[in-house]
Amino acid sequence: MKIWVAVLAIIGGLAGLASGFVVTAFGTGFGENDMANDGATVFWLSALAIFMGFLSWKFHKIGGIALMLIAIYGFFANGLFFIVAFIFLLLAGILAFRIKQTPKPDMTSV
């Protein structure tokens, strides 16, 4: 389960990086500063999402909530350009809550 969270976060993050770059480029090209700023914000949040996918191995709830918040913000900021990234990041955030904690072996009974 851990591996799937990281894989989905990487795929979603890469799709978000592409989405953020495209929206930033079009916003700059058409002279829309707000569009360019939103695209740049989503670009950097998508880079953070890749990191959060691996961080969720240790901190399940924080990583899952962060991935879902990035997915929702990116969808509202970039719209349909972000739909692929939204799906993968949302799935990664949901799966992060399902990671089971492995118990540490008890070394006192040896």
Protein backbone atom coordinates (compact mmCIF):
# COMPACT_ATOMS: atom_id res chain seq x y z
CA MET A 1 0.00 0.00 0.00
CA LYS A 2 2.87 2.37 0.78
CA ILE A 3 4.31 2.01 -2.69
CA TRP A 4 0.98 2.88 -4.33
CA VAL A 5 0.72 6.13 -2.40
CA ALA A 6 4.17 7.19 -3.58
CA VAL A 7 3.56 6.07 -7.18
CA LEU A 8 0.21 7.85 -7.40
CA ALA A 9 1.70 10.99 -5.81
CA ILE A 10 4.58 10.95 -8.31
CA ILE A 11 2.24 10.51 -11.29
CA GLY A 12 -0.13 13.18 -9.97
CA GLY A 13 2.75 15.50 -9.15
CA LEU A 14 4.25 15.16 -12.62
CA ALA A 15 0.86 15.79 -14.23
CA GLY A 16 0.44 18.81 -11.94
CA LEU A 17 3.88 20.11 -12.90
CA ALA A 18 2.92 19.91 -16.56
CA SER A 19 -0.45 21.54 -15.84
CA GLY A 20 1.14 24.35 -13.86
CA PHE A 21 3.70 24.97 -16.58
CA VAL A 22 1.08 25.08 -19.33
CA VAL A 23 -1.22 27.42 -17.41
CA THR A 24 1.72 29.67 -16.50
CA ALA A 25 2.90 29.78 -20.10
CA PHE A 26 -0.57 30.56 -21.47
CA GLY A 27 -1.19 33.15 -18.76
CA THR A 28 2.05 34.90 -19.59
CA GLY A 29 1.42 34.63 -23.33
CA PHE A 30 -2.05 36.12 -23.11
CA GLY A 31 -1.07 38.77 -20.57
CA GLU A 32 -3.19 37.34 -17.77
CA ASN A 33 -1.14 37.82 -14.62
CA ASP A 34 -3.64 36.09 -12.32
CA MET A 35 -3.66 33.01 -14.55
CA ALA A 36 0.15 32.94 -14.63
CA ASN A 37 0.34 33.28 -10.84
CA ASP A 38 -2.16 30.45 -10.29
CA GLY A 39 -0.24 28.23 -12.68
CA ALA A 40 3.04 28.93 -10.92
CA THR A 41 1.49 28.20 -7.53
CA VAL A 42 0.10 24.89 -8.77
CA PHE A 43 3.49 24.06 -10.31
CA TRP A 44 5.27 24.38 -6.96
CA LEU A 45 2.47 22.69 -5.01
CA SER A 46 2.72 19.75 -7.40
CA ALA A 47 6.43 19.50 -6.69
CA LEU A 48 5.54 19.50 -2.99
CA ALA A 49 2.96 16.75 -3.62
CA ILE A 50 5.68 14.39 -4.82
CA PHE A 51 7.53 14.95 -1.55
CA MET A 52 4.31 14.54 0.46
CA GLY A 53 3.74 11.14 -1.15
CA PHE A 54 6.91 9.87 0.48
CA LEU A 55 6.32 11.78 3.71
CA SER A 56 2.98 10.01 4.09
CA TRP A 57 4.84 6.75 4.74
CA LYS A 58 5.76 8.07 8.17
CA PHE A 59 3.00 10.62 8.82
CA HIS A 60 -0.11 9.04 7.32
CA LYS A 61 -2.77 11.59 8.22
CA ILE A 62 -0.70 14.71 7.58
CA GLY A 63 0.49 13.41 4.21
CA GLY A 64 -3.01 12.28 3.18
CA ILE A 65 -4.64 15.56 4.13
CA ALA A 66 -1.90 17.55 2.37
CA LEU A 67 -2.26 15.50 -0.82
CA MET A 68 -6.02 15.97 -0.85
CA LEU A 69 -5.74 19.72 -0.19
CA ILE A 70 -3.21 20.12 -3.00
CA ALA A 71 -5.53 18.17 -5.32
CA ILE A 72 -8.55 20.31 -4.47
CA TYR A 73 -6.67 23.62 -4.67
CA GLY A 74 -5.05 22.65 -7.96
CA PHE A 75 -8.41 21.73 -9.44
CA PHE A 76 -9.91 25.09 -8.49
CA ALA A 77 -6.85 27.08 -9.60
CA ASN A 78 -6.11 25.33 -12.92
CA GLY A 79 -9.47 23.80 -13.76
CA LEU A 80 -9.65 21.02 -16.31
CA PHE A 81 -5.93 21.25 -17.05
CA PHE A 82 -5.40 19.68 -13.62
CA ILE A 83 -7.99 16.84 -13.86
CA VAL A 84 -5.47 14.01 -14.35
CA ALA A 85 -3.33 15.24 -11.47
CA PHE A 86 -6.47 15.75 -9.37
CA ILE A 87 -7.51 12.11 -9.77
CA PHE A 88 -4.09 10.68 -8.92
CA LEU A 89 -3.42 13.02 -5.99
CA LEU A 90 -6.87 12.46 -4.52
CA LEU A 91 -6.44 8.69 -4.73
CA ALA A 92 -2.99 8.95 -3.14
CA GLY A 93 -4.42 11.06 -0.31
CA ILE A 94 -7.20 8.57 0.35
CA LEU A 95 -4.83 5.60 0.26
CA ALA A 96 -2.47 7.36 2.68
CA PHE A 97 -5.10 6.94 5.39
CA ARG A 98 -5.14 3.18 4.78
CA ILE A 99 -1.42 2.61 5.43
CA LYS A 100 -1.12 0.28 8.37
CA GLN A 101 1.45 0.90 11.06
CA THR A 102 3.89 -2.01 11.36
CA PRO A 103 4.66 -2.90 14.96
CA LYS A 104 8.27 -2.79 16.04
CA PRO A 105 9.69 -6.08 17.33
CA ASP A 106 9.96 -6.37 21.09
CA MET A 107 13.65 -6.78 21.89
CA THR A 108 13.19 -7.19 25.65
CA SER A 109 11.96 -10.79 25.38
CA VAL A 110 15.07 -12.04 23.57
